[in-house]
Amino acid sequence: IDSGEFLDPHDGMVDLKTKTLRHIDDSTFVEDPLRIYRGIQFCARFGLVMADETKELCRGMVEQGALEELSIERVYEEFKKLLSKSDKPSMGFYLMRELGVLRYFPELEDLIGVKQDPIWHPEGDVWIHTMMVVDEAAKLRVGDDRDDLILMFGSLCHDFGKPSTTEFIDGRIRSRAHEKAGVLPTKSFLARLTNESSLIDEITPIVANHLAPSQLFKDNSSKAAIRRLSTRVNISKLIPVAKADFFGR
């Protein structure tokens, strides 16, 4: 402090300027596999690029099954930070895919390559659409921890039913009743992250009814139809997910 000399043994200032996330020691990094998830959410939250050698180390740890020793509580905390504090959560999920982490979340991995009708989804497959939706949802967070978590998980899971329902019918790609089909994989996915059943119970009706707002509007439905919807799902929490779904394309 007295001399004003800046000590930077790992060239951290260079990485800060280039927005690079880099580990500094192989042997200590691998001691806690949670650092893989932490690195993923850091990259998404702060707009960082993971260094190639850090990616290689993380990928090797994933292949060796290092993530299997982590408790769901610790993993859940990193997911919450990724979803609630990132302007572009998609950066984290793309990095998960690159590092092989999606092998532990088949409901997400199954979205990759599932085709959609280009009239409604010119952006590409269900994976790309979902990534765009979570980024749109991030713009709609209100600062309430629980409501924001319901919004973000609802947006992430909203099309989990498409892999099992997508068919080519009469010359078009269709995913009939994918909303209802998404309930079971949503429960499976969330149960792998949290034991909070009340949270899961709030998110699954949103997945099951995420198309209802646009359908009711399109059909100019009656107030009675809207009241019936309100008996199935919290409409104030459904609307932001439906909005993110609409703009995520």
Protein backbone atom coordinates (compact mmCIF):
# COMPACT_ATOMS: atom_id res chain seq x y z
CA ILE A 1 0.00 0.00 0.00
CA ASP A 2 2.77 2.42 0.88
CA SER A 3 4.72 1.89 -2.35
CA GLY A 4 1.68 1.72 -4.61
CA GLU A 5 3.09 -1.40 -6.26
CA PHE A 6 0.39 -3.63 -7.78
CA LEU A 7 1.01 -7.37 -7.35
CA ASP A 8 -0.64 -9.48 -10.06
CA PRO A 9 1.01 -12.93 -10.14
CA HIS A 10 -1.68 -14.45 -12.38
CA ASP A 11 -2.14 -11.56 -14.84
CA GLY A 12 -5.62 -10.99 -13.49
CA MET A 13 -5.75 -7.43 -14.80
CA VAL A 14 -5.41 -8.69 -18.37
CA ASP A 15 -8.29 -11.13 -17.84
CA LEU A 16 -10.44 -8.41 -16.29
CA LYS A 17 -9.89 -6.18 -19.30
CA THR A 18 -10.73 -8.97 -21.75
CA LYS A 19 -13.61 -10.25 -19.54
CA THR A 20 -12.07 -13.71 -19.29
CA LEU A 21 -12.86 -16.17 -16.50
CA ARG A 22 -9.79 -18.31 -15.78
CA HIS A 23 -8.93 -20.70 -12.98
CA ILE A 24 -5.42 -20.41 -11.49
CA ASP A 25 -4.63 -23.89 -10.19
CA ASP A 26 -5.74 -27.26 -11.56
CA SER A 27 -5.16 -29.17 -8.32
CA THR A 28 -7.20 -26.86 -6.09
CA PHE A 29 -9.96 -26.17 -8.61
CA VAL A 30 -10.98 -29.83 -8.83
CA GLU A 31 -11.36 -30.07 -5.06
CA ASP A 32 -14.89 -28.63 -5.32
CA PRO A 33 -16.87 -29.53 -8.47
CA LEU A 34 -19.43 -26.85 -7.60
CA ARG A 35 -16.93 -24.41 -9.13
CA ILE A 36 -18.13 -25.64 -12.54
CA TYR A 37 -21.65 -24.35 -11.84
CA ARG A 38 -20.25 -21.24 -10.21
CA GLY A 39 -18.12 -20.51 -13.27
CA ILE A 40 -21.15 -20.99 -15.49
CA GLN A 41 -23.28 -18.51 -13.59
CA PHE A 42 -20.38 -16.04 -13.29
CA CYS A 43 -20.01 -16.04 -17.08
CA ALA A 44 -23.73 -15.39 -17.54
CA ARG A 45 -24.02 -12.77 -14.80
CA PHE A 46 -20.95 -10.75 -15.68
CA GLY A 47 -20.69 -11.34 -19.42
CA LEU A 48 -17.45 -13.29 -19.17
CA VAL A 49 -15.88 -15.81 -21.53
CA MET A 50 -14.45 -18.94 -19.94
CA ALA A 51 -10.80 -19.51 -20.82
CA ASP A 52 -10.10 -22.54 -23.01
CA GLU A 53 -7.95 -24.27 -20.37
CA THR A 54 -10.71 -23.77 -17.79
CA LYS A 55 -13.27 -25.22 -20.19
CA GLU A 56 -11.03 -28.22 -20.79
CA LEU A 57 -10.61 -28.84 -17.07
CA CYS A 58 -14.36 -28.48 -16.40
CA ARG A 59 -15.25 -30.75 -19.29
CA GLY A 60 -12.88 -33.41 -17.99
CA MET A 61 -14.37 -33.19 -14.50
CA VAL A 62 -17.89 -33.58 -15.92
CA GLU A 63 -16.84 -36.61 -17.98
CA GLN A 64 -15.35 -38.19 -14.85
CA GLY A 65 -18.62 -37.76 -12.97
CA ALA A 66 -17.39 -35.14 -10.53
CA LEU A 67 -20.76 -33.38 -10.44
CA GLU A 68 -22.46 -36.48 -9.08
CA GLU A 69 -21.06 -35.89 -5.60
CA LEU A 70 -22.77 -32.50 -5.23
CA SER A 71 -25.88 -32.08 -3.09
CA ILE A 72 -29.00 -30.74 -4.80
CA GLU A 73 -29.05 -27.82 -2.37
CA ARG A 74 -25.69 -26.51 -3.56
CA VAL A 75 -26.52 -26.96 -7.24
CA TYR A 76 -29.89 -25.28 -6.72
CA GLU A 77 -28.23 -22.17 -5.28
CA GLU A 78 -26.11 -21.77 -8.42
CA PHE A 79 -29.17 -22.28 -10.65
CA LYS A 80 -31.03 -19.61 -8.71
CA LYS A 81 -28.17 -17.14 -9.15
CA LEU A 82 -27.99 -17.92 -12.86
CA LEU A 83 -31.71 -17.40 -13.36
CA SER A 84 -32.29 -14.48 -11.01
CA LYS A 85 -29.14 -12.39 -11.49
CA SER A 86 -28.19 -12.80 -15.17
CA ASP A 87 -29.39 -10.42 -17.86
CA LYS A 88 -28.85 -13.25 -20.35
CA PRO A 89 -29.26 -16.60 -18.56
CA SER A 90 -28.95 -18.31 -21.94
CA MET A 91 -25.18 -17.73 -21.77
CA GLY A 92 -25.03 -20.07 -18.80
CA PHE A 93 -27.13 -22.78 -20.43
CA TYR A 94 -25.13 -22.64 -23.66
CA LEU A 95 -22.00 -23.08 -21.54
CA MET A 96 -23.61 -26.02 -19.72
CA ARG A 97 -24.20 -27.61 -23.10
CA GLU A 98 -20.62 -26.98 -24.18
CA LEU A 99 -19.18 -28.47 -20.99
CA GLY A 100 -21.42 -31.54 -21.07
CA VAL A 101 -23.40 -30.60 -17.96
CA LEU A 102 -26.75 -31.13 -19.71
CA ARG A 103 -26.24 -34.89 -19.39
CA TYR A 104 -27.56 -34.41 -15.84
CA PHE A 105 -30.62 -32.52 -17.08
CA PRO A 106 -32.14 -34.65 -19.87
CA GLU A 107 -35.27 -32.51 -19.96
CA LEU A 108 -33.12 -29.63 -21.25
CA GLU A 109 -30.92 -31.79 -23.46
CA ASP A 110 -34.00 -33.31 -25.12
CA LEU A 111 -34.97 -29.87 -26.46
CA ILE A 112 -31.94 -29.80 -28.75
CA GLY A 113 -32.84 -30.59 -32.35
CA VAL A 114 -36.62 -30.71 -31.81
CA LYS A 115 -37.98 -28.95 -34.88
CA GLN A 116 -40.70 -26.31 -34.82
CA ASP A 117 -43.05 -24.87 -37.40
CA PRO A 118 -40.99 -22.11 -39.08
CA ILE A 119 -44.12 -20.01 -39.49
CA TRP A 120 -44.35 -19.60 -35.71
CA HIS A 121 -40.73 -20.25 -34.79
CA PRO A 122 -38.35 -19.11 -37.51
CA GLU A 123 -35.57 -18.92 -34.90
CA GLY A 124 -34.95 -22.68 -35.00
CA ASP A 125 -35.41 -25.66 -32.70
CA VAL A 126 -37.01 -25.79 -29.24
CA TRP A 127 -33.63 -25.35 -27.53
CA ILE A 128 -32.94 -22.06 -29.31
CA HIS A 129 -36.48 -20.88 -28.62
CA THR A 130 -36.18 -21.73 -24.93
CA MET A 131 -32.91 -19.85 -24.63
CA MET A 132 -34.54 -16.80 -26.20
CA VAL A 133 -37.51 -17.13 -23.84
CA VAL A 134 -35.40 -17.19 -20.65
CA ASP A 135 -33.59 -14.07 -21.84
CA GLU A 136 -36.92 -12.35 -22.44
CA ALA A 137 -38.14 -13.52 -19.04
CA ALA A 138 -35.09 -11.95 -17.41
CA LYS A 139 -36.36 -8.56 -18.64
CA LEU A 140 -39.64 -9.13 -16.79
CA ARG A 141 -38.24 -9.86 -13.32
CA VAL A 142 -39.75 -7.63 -10.65
CA GLY A 143 -37.27 -7.99 -7.81
CA ASP A 144 -39.31 -10.42 -5.72
CA ASP A 145 -37.17 -13.51 -5.17
CA ARG A 146 -39.96 -16.09 -5.29
CA ASP A 147 -41.99 -14.52 -8.08
CA ASP A 148 -38.87 -14.09 -10.19
CA LEU A 149 -37.89 -17.71 -9.58
CA ILE A 150 -41.34 -18.92 -10.66
CA LEU A 151 -41.11 -16.73 -13.77
CA MET A 152 -37.66 -17.97 -14.71
CA PHE A 153 -38.23 -21.67 -14.05
CA GLY A 154 -41.64 -21.49 -15.72
CA SER A 155 -40.01 -19.98 -18.81
CA LEU A 156 -37.19 -22.51 -18.80
CA CYS A 157 -39.57 -25.48 -18.51
CA HIS A 158 -42.51 -24.22 -20.57
CA ASP A 159 -41.84 -26.40 -23.66
CA PHE A 160 -40.58 -29.55 -21.94
CA GLY A 161 -43.55 -31.36 -23.49
CA LYS A 162 -42.52 -30.75 -27.09
CA PRO A 163 -39.94 -33.55 -27.47
CA SER A 164 -42.58 -36.20 -26.72
CA THR A 165 -45.41 -34.63 -28.76
CA THR A 166 -43.80 -33.14 -31.87
CA GLU A 167 -44.98 -34.77 -35.10
CA PHE A 168 -45.11 -33.98 -38.81
CA ILE A 169 -48.84 -33.89 -39.62
CA ASP A 170 -50.47 -32.79 -42.89
CA GLY A 171 -47.28 -31.15 -44.08
CA ARG A 172 -46.67 -29.18 -40.88
CA ILE A 173 -44.72 -29.65 -37.66
CA ARG A 174 -47.13 -29.85 -34.74
CA SER A 175 -46.77 -30.34 -30.98
CA ARG A 176 -50.33 -31.05 -29.92
CA ALA A 177 -51.06 -30.89 -26.18
CA HIS A 178 -47.40 -30.24 -25.41
CA GLU A 179 -48.43 -27.95 -22.54
CA LYS A 180 -49.97 -30.82 -20.55
CA ALA A 181 -47.21 -33.21 -21.63
CA GLY A 182 -44.68 -30.83 -20.12
CA VAL A 183 -45.92 -31.25 -16.56
CA LEU A 184 -44.20 -34.58 -15.76
CA PRO A 185 -40.77 -33.64 -17.16
CA THR A 186 -41.03 -30.31 -15.34
CA LYS A 187 -41.66 -32.10 -12.05
CA SER A 188 -38.78 -34.47 -12.76
CA PHE A 189 -36.40 -31.62 -13.62
CA LEU A 190 -37.30 -29.48 -10.61
CA ALA A 191 -37.23 -32.43 -8.20
CA ARG A 192 -33.60 -32.92 -9.23
CA LEU A 193 -32.89 -29.39 -8.01
CA THR A 194 -35.10 -28.76 -5.01
CA ASN A 195 -37.26 -30.42 -2.39
CA GLU A 196 -39.50 -27.35 -2.20
CA SER A 197 -42.76 -28.96 -3.29
CA SER A 198 -44.78 -25.75 -2.96
CA LEU A 199 -42.55 -24.07 -5.56
CA ILE A 200 -42.92 -27.00 -7.95
CA ASP A 201 -46.69 -26.90 -7.41
CA GLU A 202 -46.75 -23.25 -8.52
CA ILE A 203 -44.60 -23.78 -11.60
CA THR A 204 -46.27 -26.86 -13.11
CA PRO A 205 -49.69 -25.19 -13.69
CA ILE A 206 -47.89 -22.40 -15.52
CA VAL A 207 -46.28 -24.94 -17.84
CA ALA A 208 -49.63 -26.69 -18.34
CA ASN A 209 -51.40 -23.43 -19.23
CA HIS A 210 -48.72 -21.29 -20.85
CA LEU A 211 -50.62 -21.01 -24.15
CA ALA A 212 -53.92 -20.08 -22.53
CA PRO A 213 -53.48 -16.28 -22.49
CA SER A 214 -52.83 -16.04 -26.22
CA GLN A 215 -55.59 -18.54 -26.99
CA LEU A 216 -58.13 -16.67 -24.88
CA PHE A 217 -57.17 -13.40 -26.52
CA LYS A 218 -57.31 -14.86 -30.01
CA ASP A 219 -60.75 -16.37 -29.36
CA ASN A 220 -62.04 -13.20 -27.69
CA SER A 221 -63.08 -15.42 -24.81
CA SER A 222 -65.59 -14.50 -22.14
CA LYS A 223 -64.83 -13.39 -18.61
CA ALA A 224 -66.18 -16.73 -17.47
CA ALA A 225 -63.45 -18.51 -19.43
CA ILE A 226 -60.84 -16.34 -17.74
CA ARG A 227 -62.35 -17.10 -14.34
CA ARG A 228 -62.15 -20.82 -15.12
CA LEU A 229 -58.48 -20.38 -15.99
CA SER A 230 -57.92 -18.65 -12.65
CA THR A 231 -59.03 -21.82 -10.84
CA ARG A 232 -56.19 -23.74 -12.50
CA VAL A 233 -53.32 -21.28 -12.31
CA ASN A 234 -52.25 -17.97 -10.80
CA ILE A 235 -52.90 -15.68 -13.78
CA SER A 236 -50.63 -12.88 -12.56
CA LYS A 237 -47.71 -15.34 -12.58
CA LEU A 238 -48.80 -16.98 -15.83
CA ILE A 239 -48.92 -13.78 -17.90
CA PRO A 240 -45.17 -12.90 -17.71
CA VAL A 241 -44.23 -16.44 -18.80
CA ALA A 242 -46.69 -16.24 -21.70
CA LYS A 243 -45.27 -12.84 -22.63
CA ALA A 244 -41.68 -14.16 -22.58
CA ASP A 245 -42.78 -17.11 -24.71
CA PHE A 246 -44.39 -14.75 -27.23
CA PHE A 247 -41.34 -12.50 -27.58
CA GLY A 248 -38.76 -15.31 -27.37
CA ARG A 249 -38.56 -15.88 -31.11
